[in-house]
Amino acid sequence: MKTRFLFVAIPLVAVLLLLTGCYESRDVTLHDAGVYKGQTDPLVEMSADPAYQERLRERLLMVQTDR
């Protein structure tokens, strides 16, 4: 009787433990299309500066000269 119980209980516990890894949270985050709600990107403002663009161009040419 005890052996039969173990043959049923151990696989049942194993299946339950393995299925907990398949759990998926039901929390849904809805986003507004076209609306960015994150932090502002400082590189956007920097990229408008012609001196910054020239520095980037020089760095590109230093690395990309073999192509």
PDB file of N, CA and C in Angstrom:
ATOM      1  N   MET A   1       0.816  -1.194   0.000  1.00  0.00           N
ATOM      2  CA  MET A   1       0.000   0.000   0.000  1.00  0.00           C
ATOM      3  C   MET A   1       0.858   1.255   0.000  1.00  0.00           C
ATOM      4  N   LYS A   2       1.896   1.258   0.855  1.00  0.00           N
ATOM      5  CA  LYS A   2       2.769   2.417   0.942  1.00  0.00           C
ATOM      6  C   LYS A   2       3.550   2.602  -0.363  1.00  0.00           C
ATOM      7  N   THR A   3       3.972   1.497  -0.971  1.00  0.00           N
ATOM      8  CA  THR A   3       4.714   1.558  -2.226  1.00  0.00           C
ATOM      9  C   THR A   3       3.836   2.117  -3.337  1.00  0.00           C
ATOM     10  N   ARG A   4       2.588   1.693  -3.380  1.00  0.00           N
ATOM     11  CA  ARG A   4       1.662   2.181  -4.400  1.00  0.00           C
ATOM     12  C   ARG A   4       1.437   3.688  -4.227  1.00  0.00           C
ATOM     13  N   PHE A   5       1.320   4.126  -2.988  1.00  0.00           N
ATOM     14  CA  PHE A   5       1.142   5.547  -2.705  1.00  0.00           C
ATOM     15  C   PHE A   5       2.347   6.354  -3.211  1.00  0.00           C
ATOM     16  N   LEU A   6       3.558   5.824  -2.987  1.00  0.00           N
ATOM     17  CA  LEU A   6       4.758   6.527  -3.444  1.00  0.00           C
ATOM     18  C   LEU A   6       4.834   6.574  -4.962  1.00  0.00           C
ATOM     19  N   PHE A   7       4.387   5.488  -5.632  1.00  0.00           N
ATOM     20  CA  PHE A   7       4.400   5.464  -7.097  1.00  0.00           C
ATOM     21  C   PHE A   7       3.426   6.475  -7.691  1.00  0.00           C
ATOM     22  N   VAL A   8       2.423   6.850  -6.963  1.00  0.00           N
ATOM     23  CA  VAL A   8       1.458   7.838  -7.433  1.00  0.00           C
ATOM     24  C   VAL A   8       1.857   9.240  -6.966  1.00  0.00           C
ATOM     25  N   ALA A   9       2.280   9.360  -5.725  1.00  0.00           N
ATOM     26  CA  ALA A   9       2.540  10.669  -5.139  1.00  0.00           C
ATOM     27  C   ALA A   9       3.779  11.331  -5.725  1.00  0.00           C
ATOM     28  N   ILE A  10       4.854  10.587  -5.893  1.00  0.00           N
ATOM     29  CA  ILE A  10       6.101  11.189  -6.389  1.00  0.00           C
ATOM     30  C   ILE A  10       5.939  11.728  -7.804  1.00  0.00           C
ATOM     31  N   PRO A  11       5.393  10.966  -8.768  1.00  0.00           N
ATOM     32  CA  PRO A  11       5.195  11.564 -10.099  1.00  0.00           C
ATOM     33  C   PRO A  11       4.212  12.737 -10.087  1.00  0.00           C
ATOM     34  N   LEU A  12       3.194  12.644  -9.234  1.00  0.00           N
ATOM     35  CA  LEU A  12       2.240  13.746  -9.156  1.00  0.00           C
ATOM     36  C   LEU A  12       2.907  15.019  -8.656  1.00  0.00           C
ATOM     37  N   VAL A  13       3.725  14.929  -7.642  1.00  0.00           N
ATOM     38  CA  VAL A  13       4.459  16.082  -7.130  1.00  0.00           C
ATOM     39  C   VAL A  13       5.437  16.597  -8.179  1.00  0.00           C
ATOM     40  N   ALA A  14       6.101  15.689  -8.890  1.00  0.00           N
ATOM     41  CA  ALA A  14       7.047  16.094  -9.933  1.00  0.00           C
ATOM     42  C   ALA A  14       6.337  16.851 -11.047  1.00  0.00           C
ATOM     43  N   VAL A  15       5.177  16.363 -11.464  1.00  0.00           N
ATOM     44  CA  VAL A  15       4.415  17.042 -12.516  1.00  0.00           C
ATOM     45  C   VAL A  15       3.970  18.420 -12.048  1.00  0.00           C
ATOM     46  N   LEU A  16       3.503  18.519 -10.828  1.00  0.00           N
ATOM     47  CA  LEU A  16       3.079  19.823 -10.301  1.00  0.00           C
ATOM     48  C   LEU A  16       4.239  20.804 -10.225  1.00  0.00           C
ATOM     49  N   LEU A  17       5.414  20.323  -9.816  1.00  0.00           N
ATOM     50  CA  LEU A  17       6.586  21.206  -9.757  1.00  0.00           C
ATOM     51  C   LEU A  17       7.015  21.648 -11.145  1.00  0.00           C
ATOM     52  N   LEU A  18       6.969  20.738 -12.112  1.00  0.00           N
ATOM     53  CA  LEU A  18       7.354  21.102 -13.473  1.00  0.00           C
ATOM     54  C   LEU A  18       6.361  22.077 -14.100  1.00  0.00           C
ATOM     55  N   LEU A  19       5.087  21.932 -13.769  1.00  0.00           N
ATOM     56  CA  LEU A  19       4.084  22.837 -14.322  1.00  0.00           C
ATOM     57  C   LEU A  19       4.173  24.243 -13.730  1.00  0.00           C
ATOM     58  N   THR A  20       4.726  24.381 -12.538  1.00  0.00           N
ATOM     59  CA  THR A  20       4.877  25.726 -11.977  1.00  0.00           C
ATOM     60  C   THR A  20       5.873  26.545 -12.792  1.00  0.00           C
ATOM     61  N   GLY A  21       6.776  25.883 -13.502  1.00  0.00           N
ATOM     62  CA  GLY A  21       7.703  26.598 -14.381  1.00  0.00           C
ATOM     63  C   GLY A  21       7.010  27.158 -15.607  1.00  0.00           C
ATOM     64  N   CYS A  22       5.839  26.655 -15.927  1.00  0.00           N
ATOM     65  CA  CYS A  22       5.076  27.119 -17.087  1.00  0.00           C
ATOM     66  C   CYS A  22       4.106  28.236 -16.725  1.00  0.00           C
ATOM     67  N   TYR A  23       4.108  28.653 -15.471  1.00  0.00           N
ATOM     68  CA  TYR A  23       3.185  29.689 -15.032  1.00  0.00           C
ATOM     69  C   TYR A  23       3.504  31.008 -15.724  1.00  0.00           C
ATOM     70  N   GLU A  24       2.492  31.671 -16.182  1.00  0.00           N
ATOM     71  CA  GLU A  24       2.658  32.966 -16.832  1.00  0.00           C
ATOM     72  C   GLU A  24       1.758  33.978 -16.127  1.00  0.00           C
ATOM     73  N   SER A  25       2.332  35.104 -15.807  1.00  0.00           N
ATOM     74  CA  SER A  25       1.582  36.134 -15.109  1.00  0.00           C
ATOM     75  C   SER A  25       0.463  36.672 -16.001  1.00  0.00           C
ATOM     76  N   ARG A  26      -0.648  36.991 -15.402  1.00  0.00           N
ATOM     77  CA  ARG A  26      -1.802  37.504 -16.146  1.00  0.00           C
ATOM     78  C   ARG A  26      -1.809  39.034 -16.210  1.00  0.00           C
ATOM     79  N   ASP A  27      -0.778  39.673 -15.690  1.00  0.00           N
ATOM     80  CA  ASP A  27      -0.718  41.135 -15.730  1.00  0.00           C
ATOM     81  C   ASP A  27      -0.505  41.604 -17.164  1.00  0.00           C
ATOM     82  N   VAL A  28      -1.345  42.497 -17.606  1.00  0.00           N
ATOM     83  CA  VAL A  28      -1.266  43.024 -18.962  1.00  0.00           C
ATOM     84  C   VAL A  28      -1.002  44.518 -18.885  1.00  0.00           C
ATOM     85  N   THR A  29      -0.011  44.978 -19.643  1.00  0.00           N
ATOM     86  CA  THR A  29       0.301  46.400 -19.695  1.00  0.00           C
ATOM     87  C   THR A  29      -0.170  46.938 -21.039  1.00  0.00           C
ATOM     88  N   LEU A  30      -1.063  47.877 -21.008  1.00  0.00           N
ATOM     89  CA  LEU A  30      -1.563  48.487 -22.236  1.00  0.00           C
ATOM     90  C   LEU A  30      -0.781  49.767 -22.501  1.00  0.00           C
ATOM     91  N   HIS A  31      -0.299  49.906 -23.726  1.00  0.00           N
ATOM     92  CA  HIS A  31       0.478  51.074 -24.119  1.00  0.00           C
ATOM     93  C   HIS A  31      -0.304  51.877 -25.154  1.00  0.00           C
ATOM     94  N   ASP A  32      -0.136  53.186 -25.120  1.00  0.00           N
ATOM     95  CA  ASP A  32      -0.749  54.044 -26.120  1.00  0.00           C
ATOM     96  C   ASP A  32       0.138  54.067 -27.358  1.00  0.00           C
ATOM     97  N   ALA A  33      -0.471  53.875 -28.502  1.00  0.00           N
ATOM     98  CA  ALA A  33       0.291  53.855 -29.749  1.00  0.00           C
ATOM     99  C   ALA A  33       0.886  55.227 -30.031  1.00  0.00           C
ATOM    100  N   GLY A  34       2.175  55.252 -30.335  1.00  0.00           N
ATOM    101  CA  GLY A  34       2.845  56.491 -30.702  1.00  0.00           C
ATOM    102  C   GLY A  34       3.188  57.400 -29.542  1.00  0.00           C
ATOM    103  N   VAL A  35       2.999  56.958 -28.310  1.00  0.00           N
ATOM    104  CA  VAL A  35       3.289  57.787 -27.145  1.00  0.00           C
ATOM    105  C   VAL A  35       4.406  57.118 -26.351  1.00  0.00           C
ATOM    106  N   TYR A  36       5.546  57.781 -26.257  1.00  0.00           N
ATOM    107  CA  TYR A  36       6.675  57.265 -25.493  1.00  0.00           C
ATOM    108  C   TYR A  36       6.611  57.849 -24.104  1.00  0.00           C
ATOM    109  N   LYS A  37       6.588  56.985 -23.102  1.00  0.00           N
ATOM    110  CA  LYS A  37       6.446  57.453 -21.730  1.00  0.00           C
ATOM    111  C   LYS A  37       7.704  57.223 -20.911  1.00  0.00           C
ATOM    112  N   GLY A  38       8.803  56.897 -21.565  1.00  0.00           N
ATOM    113  CA  GLY A  38      10.051  56.660 -20.856  1.00  0.00           C
ATOM    114  C   GLY A  38      10.818  57.946 -20.630  1.00  0.00           C
ATOM    115  N   GLN A  39      12.054  57.788 -20.147  1.00  0.00           N
ATOM    116  CA  GLN A  39      12.907  58.950 -19.898  1.00  0.00           C
ATOM    117  C   GLN A  39      13.359  59.550 -21.232  1.00  0.00           C
ATOM    118  N   THR A  40      13.679  60.823 -21.206  1.00  0.00           N
ATOM    119  CA  THR A  40      14.150  61.471 -22.426  1.00  0.00           C
ATOM    120  C   THR A  40      15.570  61.005 -22.736  1.00  0.00           C
ATOM    121  N   ASP A  41      15.882  60.933 -24.001  1.00  0.00           N
ATOM    122  CA  ASP A  41      17.184  60.465 -24.463  1.00  0.00           C
ATOM    123  C   ASP A  41      18.083  61.674 -24.707  1.00  0.00           C
ATOM    124  N   PRO A  42      19.194  61.807 -23.974  1.00  0.00           N
ATOM    125  CA  PRO A  42      20.064  62.971 -24.158  1.00  0.00           C
ATOM    126  C   PRO A  42      20.770  62.965 -25.513  1.00  0.00           C
ATOM    127  N   LEU A  43      20.889  61.816 -26.150  1.00  0.00           N
ATOM    128  CA  LEU A  43      21.572  61.754 -27.440  1.00  0.00           C
ATOM    129  C   LEU A  43      20.770  62.414 -28.554  1.00  0.00           C
ATOM    130  N   VAL A  44      19.468  62.516 -28.395  1.00  0.00           N
ATOM    131  CA  VAL A  44      18.646  63.169 -29.415  1.00  0.00           C
ATOM    132  C   VAL A  44      19.029  64.640 -29.526  1.00  0.00           C
ATOM    133  N   GLU A  45      19.194  65.287 -28.380  1.00  0.00           N
ATOM    134  CA  GLU A  45      19.578  66.701 -28.400  1.00  0.00           C
ATOM    135  C   GLU A  45      21.012  66.868 -28.883  1.00  0.00           C
ATOM    136  N   MET A  46      21.892  65.951 -28.484  1.00  0.00           N
ATOM    137  CA  MET A  46      23.302  66.048 -28.878  1.00  0.00           C
ATOM    138  C   MET A  46      23.476  65.818 -30.375  1.00  0.00           C
ATOM    139  N   SER A  47      22.653  64.973 -30.971  1.00  0.00           N
ATOM    140  CA  SER A  47      22.824  64.649 -32.383  1.00  0.00           C
ATOM    141  C   SER A  47      22.480  65.821 -33.294  1.00  0.00           C
ATOM    142  N   ALA A  48      21.774  66.813 -32.798  1.00  0.00           N
ATOM    143  CA  ALA A  48      21.453  67.983 -33.605  1.00  0.00           C
ATOM    144  C   ALA A  48      22.645  68.935 -33.721  1.00  0.00           C
ATOM    145  N   ASP A  49      23.636  68.792 -32.851  1.00  0.00           N
ATOM    146  CA  ASP A  49      24.810  69.662 -32.855  1.00  0.00           C
ATOM    147  C   ASP A  49      25.753  69.258 -33.995  1.00  0.00           C
ATOM    148  N   PRO A  50      26.102  70.177 -34.891  1.00  0.00           N
ATOM    149  CA  PRO A  50      26.997  69.846 -36.009  1.00  0.00           C
ATOM    150  C   PRO A  50      28.382  69.375 -35.554  1.00  0.00           C
ATOM    151  N   ALA A  51      28.888  69.887 -34.452  1.00  0.00           N
ATOM    152  CA  ALA A  51      30.192  69.447 -33.951  1.00  0.00           C
ATOM    153  C   ALA A  51      30.133  67.984 -33.520  1.00  0.00           C
ATOM    154  N   TYR A  52      29.046  67.597 -32.912  1.00  0.00           N
ATOM    155  CA  TYR A  52      28.871  66.199 -32.502  1.00  0.00           C
ATOM    156  C   TYR A  52      28.782  65.290 -33.722  1.00  0.00           C
ATOM    157  N   GLN A  53      28.069  65.722 -34.738  1.00  0.00           N
ATOM    158  CA  GLN A  53      27.967  64.933 -35.969  1.00  0.00           C
ATOM    159  C   GLN A  53      29.334  64.781 -36.626  1.00  0.00           C
ATOM    160  N   GLU A  54      30.140  65.825 -36.582  1.00  0.00           N
ATOM    161  CA  GLU A  54      31.477  65.763 -37.175  1.00  0.00           C
ATOM    162  C   GLU A  54      32.357  64.780 -36.396  1.00  0.00           C
ATOM    163  N   ARG A  55      32.268  64.794 -35.071  1.00  0.00           N
ATOM    164  CA  ARG A  55      33.029  63.829 -34.256  1.00  0.00           C
ATOM    165  C   ARG A  55      32.627  62.398 -34.583  1.00  0.00           C
ATOM    166  N   LEU A  56      31.330  62.173 -34.739  1.00  0.00           N
ATOM    167  CA  LEU A  56      30.863  60.835 -35.103  1.00  0.00           C
ATOM    168  C   LEU A  56      31.357  60.433 -36.484  1.00  0.00           C
ATOM    169  N   ARG A  57      31.353  61.383 -37.415  1.00  0.00           N
ATOM    170  CA  ARG A  57      31.826  61.105 -38.781  1.00  0.00           C
ATOM    171  C   ARG A  57      33.309  60.747 -38.771  1.00  0.00           C
ATOM    172  N   GLU A  58      34.105  61.476 -37.974  1.00  0.00           N
ATOM    173  CA  GLU A  58      35.534  61.179 -37.871  1.00  0.00           C
ATOM    174  C   GLU A  58      35.770  59.795 -37.266  1.00  0.00           C
ATOM    175  N   ARG A  59      35.016  59.452 -36.238  1.00  0.00           N
ATOM    176  CA  ARG A  59      35.156  58.120 -35.639  1.00  0.00           C
ATOM    177  C   ARG A  59      34.784  57.036 -36.628  1.00  0.00           C
ATOM    178  N   LEU A  60      33.751  57.274 -37.426  1.00  0.00           N
ATOM    179  CA  LEU A  60      33.336  56.302 -38.423  1.00  0.00           C
ATOM    180  C   LEU A  60      34.425  56.105 -39.468  1.00  0.00           C
ATOM    181  N   LEU A  61      35.012  57.198 -39.905  1.00  0.00           N
ATOM    182  CA  LEU A  61      36.052  57.098 -40.926  1.00  0.00           C
ATOM    183  C   LEU A  61      37.318  56.435 -40.386  1.00  0.00           C
ATOM    184  N   MET A  62      37.607  56.578 -39.112  1.00  0.00           N
ATOM    185  CA  MET A  62      38.774  55.910 -38.517  1.00  0.00           C
ATOM    186  C   MET A  62      38.611  54.393 -38.551  1.00  0.00           C
ATOM    187  N   VAL A  63      37.410  53.916 -38.384  1.00  0.00           N
ATOM    188  CA  VAL A  63      37.173  52.481 -38.292  1.00  0.00           C
ATOM    189  C   VAL A  63      36.816  51.894 -39.643  1.00  0.00           C
ATOM    190  N   GLN A  64      36.127  52.618 -40.472  1.00  0.00           N
ATOM    191  CA  GLN A  64      35.569  52.086 -41.709  1.00  0.00           C
ATOM    192  C   GLN A  64      36.441  52.343 -42.938  1.00  0.00           C
ATOM    193  N   THR A  65      37.699  52.676 -42.771  1.00  0.00           N
ATOM    194  CA  THR A  65      38.518  53.010 -43.931  1.00  0.00           C
ATOM    195  C   THR A  65      38.825  51.805 -44.810  1.00  0.00           C
ATOM    196  N   ASP A  66      38.742  50.603 -44.286  1.00  0.00           N
ATOM    197  CA  ASP A  66      39.060  49.433 -45.092  1.00  0.00           C
ATOM    198  C   ASP A  66      37.888  48.939 -45.913  1.00  0.00           C
ATOM    199  N   ARG A  67      36.780  49.592 -45.843  1.00  0.00           N
ATOM    200  CA  ARG A  67      35.593  49.092 -46.567  1.00  0.00           C
ATOM    201  C   ARG A  67      35.209  49.965 -47.704  1.00  0.00           C
TER     202      ARG A  67
END
